[in-house]
N, C-alpha and C. Protein backbone atom coordinates (compact mmCIF):
# COMPACT_ATOMS: atom_id res chain seq x y z
N MET A 1 112.48 121.79 52.57
CA MET A 1 111.56 122.38 51.63
C MET A 1 112.36 122.82 50.40
N LEU A 2 111.80 122.61 49.20
CA LEU A 2 112.47 123.00 47.97
C LEU A 2 112.04 124.39 47.55
N ASN A 3 113.01 125.17 47.04
CA ASN A 3 112.66 126.49 46.52
C ASN A 3 112.28 126.37 45.05
N LYS A 4 112.07 127.52 44.39
CA LYS A 4 111.62 127.51 42.99
C LYS A 4 112.64 126.88 42.05
N LYS A 5 113.91 126.88 42.45
CA LYS A 5 114.96 126.30 41.63
C LYS A 5 115.14 124.81 41.91
N GLY A 6 114.33 124.25 42.81
CA GLY A 6 114.44 122.85 43.16
C GLY A 6 115.53 122.56 44.18
N GLU A 7 116.10 123.63 44.75
CA GLU A 7 117.15 123.47 45.74
C GLU A 7 116.53 123.39 47.14
N MET A 8 117.23 122.71 48.03
CA MET A 8 116.77 122.61 49.41
C MET A 8 116.88 123.98 50.07
N GLU A 9 115.82 124.38 50.74
CA GLU A 9 115.80 125.68 51.41
C GLU A 9 115.55 125.47 52.90
N MET A 10 116.23 126.27 53.71
CA MET A 10 116.05 126.21 55.15
C MET A 10 114.64 126.67 55.50
N THR A 11 114.09 126.06 56.54
CA THR A 11 112.80 126.51 57.06
C THR A 11 112.95 126.81 58.54
N TYR A 12 112.06 127.69 59.02
CA TYR A 12 112.14 128.15 60.40
C TYR A 12 110.76 128.18 61.02
N SER A 13 110.73 128.00 62.32
CA SER A 13 109.47 128.13 63.07
C SER A 13 109.25 129.61 63.35
N ILE A 14 108.06 129.94 63.83
CA ILE A 14 107.75 131.33 64.14
C ILE A 14 108.67 131.87 65.24
N SER A 15 109.02 131.04 66.22
CA SER A 15 109.90 131.52 67.29
C SER A 15 111.33 131.72 66.77
N GLU A 16 111.77 130.86 65.86
CA GLU A 16 113.11 131.05 65.27
C GLU A 16 113.18 132.35 64.47
N VAL A 17 112.11 132.64 63.71
CA VAL A 17 112.07 133.87 62.92
C VAL A 17 112.00 135.08 63.85
N ALA A 18 111.21 134.98 64.90
CA ALA A 18 111.12 136.08 65.87
C ALA A 18 112.50 136.38 66.45
N ASN A 19 113.23 135.34 66.84
CA ASN A 19 114.58 135.53 67.39
C ASN A 19 115.52 136.11 66.35
N LYS A 20 115.44 135.58 65.15
CA LYS A 20 116.31 136.01 64.05
C LYS A 20 116.12 137.50 63.74
N LEU A 21 114.88 137.98 63.81
CA LEU A 21 114.56 139.37 63.46
C LEU A 21 114.42 140.29 64.67
N ASN A 22 114.67 139.72 65.85
CA ASN A 22 114.52 140.49 67.09
C ASN A 22 113.10 141.06 67.24
N LEU A 23 112.13 140.20 66.95
CA LEU A 23 110.72 140.54 67.09
C LEU A 23 110.10 139.57 68.09
N THR A 24 108.87 139.83 68.45
CA THR A 24 108.16 138.87 69.30
C THR A 24 107.30 137.97 68.41
N VAL A 25 106.99 136.80 68.92
CA VAL A 25 106.07 135.91 68.23
C VAL A 25 104.73 136.62 68.06
N TYR A 26 104.33 137.37 69.09
CA TYR A 26 103.08 138.14 69.04
C TYR A 26 103.08 139.09 67.84
N THR A 27 104.20 139.78 67.60
CA THR A 27 104.28 140.70 66.46
C THR A 27 104.08 139.97 65.15
N LEU A 28 104.72 138.82 65.01
CA LEU A 28 104.58 138.04 63.77
C LEU A 28 103.14 137.55 63.60
N ARG A 29 102.51 137.13 64.67
CA ARG A 29 101.11 136.71 64.58
C ARG A 29 100.21 137.90 64.21
N TYR A 30 100.52 139.08 64.75
CA TYR A 30 99.78 140.29 64.41
C TYR A 30 99.94 140.60 62.91
N TYR A 31 101.16 140.52 62.40
CA TYR A 31 101.39 140.75 60.98
C TYR A 31 100.57 139.78 60.14
N ASP A 32 100.54 138.54 60.56
CA ASP A 32 99.77 137.52 59.84
C ASP A 32 98.29 137.90 59.86
N LYS A 33 97.78 138.27 61.03
CA LYS A 33 96.36 138.66 61.18
C LYS A 33 96.02 139.86 60.31
N GLU A 34 96.99 140.78 60.16
CA GLU A 34 96.77 141.98 59.35
C GLU A 34 96.97 141.74 57.85
N GLY A 35 97.31 140.52 57.48
CA GLY A 35 97.46 140.18 56.06
C GLY A 35 98.82 140.51 55.47
N LEU A 36 99.83 140.68 56.33
CA LEU A 36 101.16 141.02 55.84
C LEU A 36 102.01 139.80 55.50
N MET A 37 101.50 138.59 55.79
CA MET A 37 102.29 137.38 55.55
C MET A 37 101.51 136.32 54.77
N PRO A 38 100.84 136.68 53.69
CA PRO A 38 100.10 135.65 52.95
C PRO A 38 101.03 134.63 52.28
N PHE A 39 102.30 134.96 52.21
CA PHE A 39 103.30 134.12 51.56
C PHE A 39 103.78 132.98 52.45
N VAL A 40 103.52 133.06 53.75
CA VAL A 40 104.02 132.04 54.69
C VAL A 40 103.15 130.79 54.60
N GLU A 41 103.81 129.66 54.38
CA GLU A 41 103.09 128.39 54.29
C GLU A 41 102.82 127.83 55.68
N ARG A 42 101.90 126.89 55.74
CA ARG A 42 101.56 126.24 57.01
C ARG A 42 101.65 124.73 56.84
N THR A 43 101.94 124.08 57.95
CA THR A 43 101.95 122.62 57.95
C THR A 43 100.49 122.14 57.97
N THR A 44 100.29 120.85 57.81
CA THR A 44 98.94 120.31 57.89
C THR A 44 98.33 120.55 59.26
N GLY A 45 99.19 120.70 60.27
CA GLY A 45 98.72 121.00 61.62
C GLY A 45 98.47 122.48 61.86
N GLY A 46 98.72 123.31 60.84
CA GLY A 46 98.45 124.75 60.95
C GLY A 46 99.61 125.61 61.42
N LYS A 47 100.78 125.01 61.67
CA LYS A 47 101.93 125.80 62.12
C LYS A 47 102.59 126.50 60.93
N ARG A 48 102.99 127.74 61.17
CA ARG A 48 103.65 128.52 60.13
C ARG A 48 105.05 127.94 59.88
N VAL A 49 105.42 127.88 58.60
CA VAL A 49 106.74 127.42 58.20
C VAL A 49 107.35 128.54 57.36
N PHE A 50 108.41 129.16 57.86
CA PHE A 50 109.05 130.29 57.19
C PHE A 50 110.26 129.81 56.40
N LYS A 51 110.41 130.35 55.20
CA LYS A 51 111.58 130.09 54.36
C LYS A 51 112.49 131.32 54.42
N ASP A 52 113.70 131.19 53.89
CA ASP A 52 114.63 132.33 53.86
C ASP A 52 114.00 133.52 53.14
N SER A 53 113.29 133.26 52.05
CA SER A 53 112.66 134.36 51.30
C SER A 53 111.59 135.06 52.15
N ASP A 54 110.91 134.32 53.02
CA ASP A 54 109.92 134.92 53.92
C ASP A 54 110.61 135.85 54.92
N VAL A 55 111.75 135.39 55.43
CA VAL A 55 112.51 136.19 56.39
C VAL A 55 112.99 137.48 55.71
N GLU A 56 113.45 137.38 54.46
CA GLU A 56 113.88 138.56 53.71
C GLU A 56 112.72 139.55 53.55
N LEU A 57 111.54 139.05 53.23
CA LEU A 57 110.39 139.92 53.07
C LEU A 57 109.97 140.54 54.40
N LEU A 58 110.10 139.79 55.47
CA LEU A 58 109.81 140.34 56.79
C LEU A 58 110.80 141.45 57.15
N ASN A 59 112.03 141.33 56.69
CA ASN A 59 113.01 142.42 56.87
C ASN A 59 112.54 143.68 56.15
N VAL A 60 112.00 143.52 54.95
CA VAL A 60 111.48 144.66 54.19
C VAL A 60 110.29 145.27 54.93
N ILE A 61 109.41 144.42 55.44
CA ILE A 61 108.25 144.90 56.20
C ILE A 61 108.71 145.71 57.40
N GLU A 62 109.71 145.20 58.12
CA GLU A 62 110.24 145.92 59.29
C GLU A 62 110.87 147.25 58.87
N CYS A 63 111.55 147.26 57.75
CA CYS A 63 112.15 148.49 57.23
C CYS A 63 111.06 149.52 56.93
N LEU A 64 110.02 149.09 56.24
CA LEU A 64 108.91 150.00 55.90
C LEU A 64 108.23 150.52 57.17
N LYS A 65 108.05 149.63 58.12
CA LYS A 65 107.41 150.02 59.38
C LYS A 65 108.26 151.05 60.11
N SER A 66 109.57 150.81 60.19
CA SER A 66 110.43 151.74 60.92
C SER A 66 110.60 153.06 60.18
N SER A 67 110.27 153.08 58.88
CA SER A 67 110.32 154.33 58.13
C SER A 67 109.04 155.15 58.33
N GLY A 68 108.10 154.58 59.07
CA GLY A 68 106.87 155.31 59.37
C GLY A 68 105.69 154.96 58.48
N LEU A 69 105.84 153.96 57.62
CA LEU A 69 104.75 153.57 56.74
C LEU A 69 103.68 152.82 57.54
N PRO A 70 102.42 153.26 57.44
CA PRO A 70 101.35 152.57 58.18
C PRO A 70 101.14 151.13 57.69
N ILE A 71 100.64 150.31 58.59
CA ILE A 71 100.39 148.89 58.29
C ILE A 71 99.53 148.73 57.03
N LYS A 72 98.49 149.56 56.88
CA LYS A 72 97.61 149.42 55.71
C LYS A 72 98.38 149.66 54.40
N ASP A 73 99.37 150.55 54.42
CA ASP A 73 100.18 150.79 53.23
C ASP A 73 101.19 149.67 53.01
N ILE A 74 101.67 149.08 54.09
CA ILE A 74 102.56 147.92 53.95
C ILE A 74 101.76 146.77 53.34
N LYS A 75 100.51 146.65 53.76
CA LYS A 75 99.65 145.60 53.20
C LYS A 75 99.47 145.83 51.69
N ASN A 76 99.29 147.08 51.28
CA ASN A 76 99.20 147.39 49.84
C ASN A 76 100.45 146.92 49.12
N PHE A 77 101.61 147.17 49.73
CA PHE A 77 102.87 146.73 49.13
C PHE A 77 102.89 145.22 48.95
N ILE A 78 102.47 144.49 49.97
CA ILE A 78 102.43 143.03 49.90
C ILE A 78 101.49 142.58 48.77
N GLU A 79 100.36 143.25 48.65
CA GLU A 79 99.41 142.93 47.57
C GLU A 79 100.03 143.22 46.22
N TRP A 80 100.76 144.34 46.11
CA TRP A 80 101.43 144.67 44.85
C TRP A 80 102.44 143.59 44.48
N LEU A 81 103.15 143.07 45.48
CA LEU A 81 104.11 142.00 45.21
C LEU A 81 103.42 140.81 44.55
N SER A 82 102.27 140.46 45.09
CA SER A 82 101.57 139.28 44.56
C SER A 82 101.00 139.54 43.17
N GLU A 83 100.80 140.79 42.82
CA GLU A 83 100.29 141.13 41.48
C GLU A 83 101.38 141.11 40.42
N GLY A 84 102.64 141.10 40.83
CA GLY A 84 103.74 140.97 39.89
C GLY A 84 104.17 142.27 39.24
N ASP A 85 104.72 142.12 38.04
CA ASP A 85 105.35 143.23 37.33
C ASP A 85 104.42 144.41 37.03
N SER A 86 103.14 144.19 37.00
CA SER A 86 102.21 145.28 36.70
C SER A 86 102.23 146.37 37.78
N THR A 87 102.82 146.07 38.95
CA THR A 87 102.86 147.03 40.05
C THR A 87 104.27 147.55 40.34
N LEU A 88 105.19 147.30 39.43
CA LEU A 88 106.57 147.76 39.65
C LEU A 88 106.63 149.26 39.89
N LYS A 89 105.88 150.04 39.12
CA LYS A 89 105.90 151.50 39.26
C LYS A 89 105.38 151.93 40.63
N GLN A 90 104.29 151.31 41.11
CA GLN A 90 103.77 151.67 42.43
C GLN A 90 104.80 151.36 43.52
N ARG A 91 105.44 150.21 43.40
CA ARG A 91 106.43 149.82 44.40
C ARG A 91 107.63 150.76 44.37
N TYR A 92 108.09 151.09 43.17
CA TYR A 92 109.21 152.03 43.03
C TYR A 92 108.85 153.38 43.63
N ASP A 93 107.68 153.90 43.27
CA ASP A 93 107.24 155.20 43.79
C ASP A 93 107.15 155.18 45.32
N MET A 94 106.66 154.08 45.87
CA MET A 94 106.53 153.96 47.32
C MET A 94 107.91 154.05 47.98
N PHE A 95 108.90 153.36 47.40
CA PHE A 95 110.23 153.39 47.99
C PHE A 95 110.91 154.75 47.80
N ILE A 96 110.64 155.43 46.71
CA ILE A 96 111.16 156.80 46.52
C ILE A 96 110.57 157.71 47.60
N GLU A 97 109.28 157.57 47.87
CA GLU A 97 108.62 158.38 48.90
C GLU A 97 109.18 158.05 50.28
N ARG A 98 109.41 156.76 50.56
CA ARG A 98 109.98 156.35 51.84
C ARG A 98 111.38 156.92 52.00
N LYS A 99 112.15 156.89 50.93
CA LYS A 99 113.52 157.43 50.96
C LYS A 99 113.49 158.90 51.34
N ALA A 100 112.61 159.66 50.73
CA ALA A 100 112.49 161.09 51.04
C ALA A 100 112.06 161.30 52.49
N ALA A 101 111.12 160.49 52.97
CA ALA A 101 110.66 160.61 54.36
C ALA A 101 111.79 160.30 55.34
N VAL A 102 112.56 159.27 55.06
CA VAL A 102 113.66 158.90 55.95
C VAL A 102 114.76 159.96 55.91
N GLU A 103 115.04 160.51 54.72
CA GLU A 103 116.04 161.58 54.62
C GLU A 103 115.62 162.79 55.46
N LYS A 104 114.32 163.10 55.45
CA LYS A 104 113.80 164.20 56.27
C LYS A 104 113.97 163.88 57.75
N GLN A 105 113.62 162.65 58.15
CA GLN A 105 113.79 162.23 59.54
C GLN A 105 115.25 162.32 59.97
N MET A 106 116.15 161.91 59.08
CA MET A 106 117.57 161.94 59.39
C MET A 106 118.06 163.38 59.57
N ALA A 107 117.58 164.30 58.74
CA ALA A 107 117.96 165.70 58.87
C ALA A 107 117.46 166.27 60.20
N GLU A 108 116.23 165.92 60.56
CA GLU A 108 115.68 166.38 61.84
C GLU A 108 116.47 165.79 63.01
N LEU A 109 116.82 164.53 62.92
CA LEU A 109 117.61 163.90 63.97
C LEU A 109 119.02 164.51 64.06
N ARG A 110 119.58 164.88 62.91
CA ARG A 110 120.91 165.52 62.92
C ARG A 110 120.84 166.84 63.68
N LYS A 111 119.80 167.63 63.43
CA LYS A 111 119.63 168.90 64.15
C LYS A 111 119.46 168.64 65.64
N THR A 112 118.69 167.63 65.98
CA THR A 112 118.51 167.26 67.39
C THR A 112 119.83 166.86 68.01
N MET A 113 120.61 166.04 67.30
CA MET A 113 121.91 165.59 67.81
C MET A 113 122.87 166.77 67.95
N ASP A 114 122.85 167.70 67.01
CA ASP A 114 123.72 168.87 67.12
C ASP A 114 123.42 169.66 68.39
N LEU A 115 122.15 169.85 68.69
CA LEU A 115 121.78 170.58 69.91
C LEU A 115 122.19 169.80 71.15
N ILE A 116 121.96 168.50 71.14
CA ILE A 116 122.34 167.67 72.29
C ILE A 116 123.86 167.71 72.50
N GLU A 117 124.62 167.61 71.41
CA GLU A 117 126.08 167.67 71.52
C GLU A 117 126.51 169.03 72.07
N HIS A 118 125.87 170.10 71.60
CA HIS A 118 126.17 171.44 72.09
C HIS A 118 125.91 171.52 73.60
N LYS A 119 124.77 171.00 74.04
CA LYS A 119 124.42 171.05 75.46
C LYS A 119 125.35 170.17 76.29
N CYS A 120 125.78 169.04 75.76
CA CYS A 120 126.75 168.20 76.48
C CYS A 120 128.03 168.99 76.70
N SER A 121 128.51 169.66 75.67
CA SER A 121 129.72 170.46 75.77
C SER A 121 129.53 171.61 76.75
N TYR A 122 128.39 172.28 76.64
CA TYR A 122 128.07 173.40 77.52
C TYR A 122 128.13 172.96 78.98
N TYR A 123 127.42 171.88 79.30
CA TYR A 123 127.36 171.44 80.70
C TYR A 123 128.67 170.82 81.17
N LYS A 124 129.41 170.17 80.29
CA LYS A 124 130.71 169.63 80.68
C LYS A 124 131.64 170.76 81.09
N THR A 125 131.66 171.82 80.27
CA THR A 125 132.49 172.98 80.59
C THR A 125 132.06 173.62 81.91
N ALA A 126 130.74 173.77 82.10
CA ALA A 126 130.22 174.35 83.35
C ALA A 126 130.56 173.48 84.55
N LEU A 127 130.44 172.16 84.39
CA LEU A 127 130.79 171.24 85.49
C LEU A 127 132.28 171.35 85.85
N GLU A 128 133.12 171.38 84.81
CA GLU A 128 134.57 171.47 85.05
C GLU A 128 134.93 172.77 85.76
N ALA A 129 134.21 173.85 85.42
CA ALA A 129 134.47 175.15 86.05
C ALA A 129 133.74 175.28 87.39
N GLY A 130 132.76 174.42 87.60
CA GLY A 130 131.97 174.47 88.82
C GLY A 130 130.87 175.52 88.79
N THR A 131 130.65 176.13 87.64
CA THR A 131 129.63 177.17 87.50
C THR A 131 129.28 177.40 86.03
N GLU A 132 128.06 177.84 85.81
CA GLU A 132 127.67 178.24 84.45
C GLU A 132 128.22 179.61 84.09
N ASP A 133 128.70 180.33 85.09
CA ASP A 133 129.24 181.67 84.84
C ASP A 133 130.38 181.63 83.82
N VAL A 134 131.00 180.47 83.66
CA VAL A 134 132.07 180.32 82.69
C VAL A 134 131.59 180.69 81.27
N HIS A 135 130.30 180.62 81.04
CA HIS A 135 129.73 180.91 79.72
C HIS A 135 129.25 182.35 79.57
N LYS A 136 129.34 183.15 80.61
CA LYS A 136 128.80 184.51 80.56
C LYS A 136 129.41 185.35 79.46
N ASP A 137 130.70 185.27 79.27
CA ASP A 137 131.36 186.07 78.25
C ASP A 137 131.36 185.36 76.90
N ASN A 138 130.71 184.22 76.86
CA ASN A 138 130.64 183.41 75.66
C ASN A 138 129.33 183.71 74.94
N LYS A 139 129.31 183.57 73.65
CA LYS A 139 128.08 183.83 72.89
C LYS A 139 126.97 182.82 73.22
N MET A 140 127.32 181.70 73.91
CA MET A 140 126.30 180.75 74.29
C MET A 140 125.35 181.40 75.28
N GLY A 141 125.86 182.35 76.06
CA GLY A 141 125.04 183.09 76.99
C GLY A 141 124.34 182.21 78.01
N LYS A 142 123.87 182.86 79.06
CA LYS A 142 123.14 182.14 80.10
C LYS A 142 121.67 182.43 79.94
N SER A 143 120.85 181.42 79.90
CA SER A 143 119.41 181.62 79.79
C SER A 143 118.71 180.51 80.56
N VAL A 144 117.41 180.61 80.66
CA VAL A 144 116.65 179.59 81.36
C VAL A 144 116.70 178.24 80.64
N PHE A 145 117.16 178.22 79.41
CA PHE A 145 117.19 176.99 78.63
C PHE A 145 118.53 176.25 78.72
N ASN A 146 119.46 176.81 79.47
CA ASN A 146 120.78 176.16 79.59
C ASN A 146 120.60 174.90 80.37
């Protein structure tokens, strides 16, 4: 298949793309059904034919999904792409909002990891001593939450 520059471009089947992106074929078909893949071409027999640019866009879709963006909002993004430069501001704003949401998630996960690391240390010390009493004189204190 030729790309916009007239160069030969690799094409992939739905199962190859699923493997490449660590997704299921079912997930890709669901995305198609939800209107997230209007860019994917089909053969005369109706089989999807993915190009490298399609795979790149699917990576973006997966990124947006993992950032917590609902499918309907991802669909809006796909529609904005097809509308071209007139939607650059909406797309930029969406990614700024996603960035803030992910930064918040990361901060929450950091706090969670800090507590988990603290508890790992707490229990490792107690295991090595054979008792939690080792923490009695420590500010960690003994409580029902240890």
